[in-house]
Structures are given as C-alpha cells and as structure tokens.
Amino acid sequence: MRYFIVALTLAGVVLSSITLWIHYSDEGHEAVSRSSWNSSYVNHSPYAVVSGIPVAVFGIIGYTVLALFTCYRRKTLTAIAALLGLAYALYLTNIEAHILNVWCVY
C-alpha cells in the first residue's frame, strides 16, 4: 500500500508541475474563452495565487511531503496531510464550481 500511495503522490507532483507550467506560460493569457473546461482560464484567475505564490507550488510541496511521510511510515502524519490536502482541493473545486464556473482538468 505504501508504494501505491507514493506512486499517486508522484503523479500529483507531475500534474502540479504541469499546472505550474500552464500558470507561467503565455498561452494561458490568450485562451480567455470561458468554456466549461479551461485549465488556462482557471490557472490565470486571481484564485490561482495565494500571497504571490501559485497554488500549484503548494500542490508540489504537499504531494512531496505526503510522499515523505509515507516513505518514513508516519501513518498519522500521512493521514493528517492527506486530509488537509483534500480539504484544500475541495475548497478550490468549490471556487471552480460556484465562482469561476469553469473547470480545470488538472
């Protein structure tokens, strides 16, 4: 089970890195059409940055910490980190659904 969790966290780091790349790419500024699925629009919205730091950076850090807790068999810390990550992901999903009305695939 530990290796499965680590594999999922590595996938999360990859997806967060792609999202960070989209955040800093110039193509997102051109893609301002508001279809229901538009990762560029979401990643260039005011909600994609917290105190000047892109949300994707928090994802990369969070998934890395989760992988480290899992590798060192810290079950309680792993569960707490996973629940905090889930809570923040649900918060961001709520913003997509009710404020932006646009969904990010990543």
Protein backbone atom coordinates (compact mmCIF):
# COMPACT_ATOMS: atom_id res chain seq x y z
CA MET A 1 0.00 0.00 0.00
CA ARG A 2 2.88 2.35 0.78
CA TYR A 3 4.23 2.10 -2.78
CA PHE A 4 0.79 2.77 -4.20
CA ILE A 5 0.48 5.98 -2.15
CA VAL A 6 3.97 7.08 -3.22
CA ALA A 7 3.07 6.42 -6.87
CA LEU A 8 -0.06 8.55 -6.50
CA THR A 9 1.91 11.36 -4.89
CA LEU A 10 4.43 11.28 -7.74
CA ALA A 11 1.54 11.57 -10.19
CA GLY A 12 0.32 14.55 -8.14
CA VAL A 13 3.75 16.21 -8.36
CA VAL A 14 3.74 15.73 -12.15
CA LEU A 15 0.24 17.19 -12.53
CA SER A 16 1.04 20.09 -10.21
CA SER A 17 4.19 20.77 -12.25
CA ILE A 18 2.14 20.84 -15.46
CA THR A 19 -0.28 23.24 -13.80
CA LEU A 20 2.61 25.45 -12.71
CA TRP A 21 3.92 25.46 -16.26
CA ILE A 22 0.47 26.50 -17.54
CA HIS A 23 0.36 29.24 -14.91
CA TYR A 24 3.62 30.78 -16.16
CA SER A 25 3.01 30.14 -19.88
CA ASP A 26 1.91 32.94 -22.17
CA GLU A 27 -0.65 30.77 -23.94
CA GLY A 28 -2.98 30.97 -20.95
CA HIS A 29 -3.36 34.72 -21.35
CA GLU A 30 -4.55 34.22 -24.91
CA ALA A 31 -7.02 31.47 -24.00
CA VAL A 32 -9.60 33.53 -22.20
CA SER A 33 -12.65 31.83 -23.65
CA ARG A 34 -14.86 30.61 -20.86
CA SER A 35 -15.92 27.15 -21.95
CA SER A 36 -16.78 24.69 -19.17
CA TRP A 37 -13.32 23.08 -19.31
CA ASN A 38 -10.50 25.61 -19.48
CA SER A 39 -7.42 24.98 -17.37
CA SER A 40 -5.69 28.11 -18.67
CA TYR A 41 -8.54 30.33 -17.52
CA VAL A 42 -8.54 28.74 -14.05
CA ASN A 43 -4.74 28.93 -13.75
CA HIS A 44 -4.70 32.63 -14.63
CA SER A 45 -7.57 33.60 -12.37
CA PRO A 46 -6.97 35.59 -9.17
CA TYR A 47 -7.69 32.41 -7.19
CA ALA A 48 -4.64 30.64 -8.66
CA VAL A 49 -2.27 32.66 -6.46
CA VAL A 50 -2.03 32.91 -2.67
CA SER A 51 0.23 35.68 -1.35
CA GLY A 52 2.07 35.81 -4.67
CA ILE A 53 2.71 32.04 -4.74
CA PRO A 54 0.93 29.93 -7.36
CA VAL A 55 -1.37 27.28 -5.89
CA ALA A 56 0.48 24.64 -7.95
CA VAL A 57 3.58 25.23 -5.81
CA PHE A 58 1.54 24.27 -2.75
CA GLY A 59 0.49 21.14 -4.60
CA ILE A 60 4.07 20.17 -5.40
CA ILE A 61 5.15 20.76 -1.81
CA GLY A 62 2.10 18.99 -0.39
CA TYR A 63 2.49 15.88 -2.54
CA THR A 64 6.22 15.73 -1.75
CA VAL A 65 5.57 15.97 1.99
CA LEU A 66 2.87 13.31 1.70
CA ALA A 67 5.32 11.00 -0.10
CA LEU A 68 7.98 11.58 2.56
CA PHE A 69 5.56 10.85 5.40
CA THR A 70 4.52 7.68 3.60
CA CYS A 71 8.10 6.54 2.96
CA TYR A 72 9.01 7.06 6.62
CA ARG A 73 5.86 5.20 7.71
CA ARG A 74 4.36 8.11 9.61
CA LYS A 75 0.75 6.96 9.35
CA THR A 76 -0.79 9.67 11.49
CA LEU A 77 1.09 12.47 9.74
CA THR A 78 0.25 10.93 6.36
CA ALA A 79 -3.44 10.87 7.24
CA ILE A 80 -3.38 14.46 8.53
CA ALA A 81 -1.53 15.71 5.43
CA ALA A 82 -3.93 13.83 3.15
CA LEU A 83 -6.97 15.30 4.90
CA LEU A 84 -5.53 18.83 4.73
CA GLY A 85 -4.82 18.35 1.03
CA LEU A 86 -8.34 17.02 0.47
CA ALA A 87 -9.86 19.99 2.30
CA TYR A 88 -7.89 22.47 0.18
CA ALA A 89 -8.74 20.60 -3.03
CA LEU A 90 -12.44 20.73 -2.13
CA TYR A 91 -12.11 24.47 -1.43
CA LEU A 92 -10.55 25.02 -4.87
CA THR A 93 -13.20 22.83 -6.50
CA ASN A 94 -15.87 24.95 -4.84
CA ILE A 95 -14.29 28.07 -6.34
CA GLU A 96 -14.30 26.46 -9.79
CA ALA A 97 -17.93 25.41 -9.45
CA HIS A 98 -19.50 28.46 -7.86
CA ILE A 99 -17.30 31.46 -8.61
CA LEU A 100 -15.42 30.81 -11.85
CA ASN A 101 -17.96 28.41 -13.39
CA VAL A 102 -15.04 26.83 -15.27
CA TRP A 103 -13.29 23.52 -14.54
CA CYS A 104 -9.59 22.77 -14.68
CA VAL A 105 -8.78 19.29 -15.96
CA TYR A 106 -5.61 19.15 -13.89
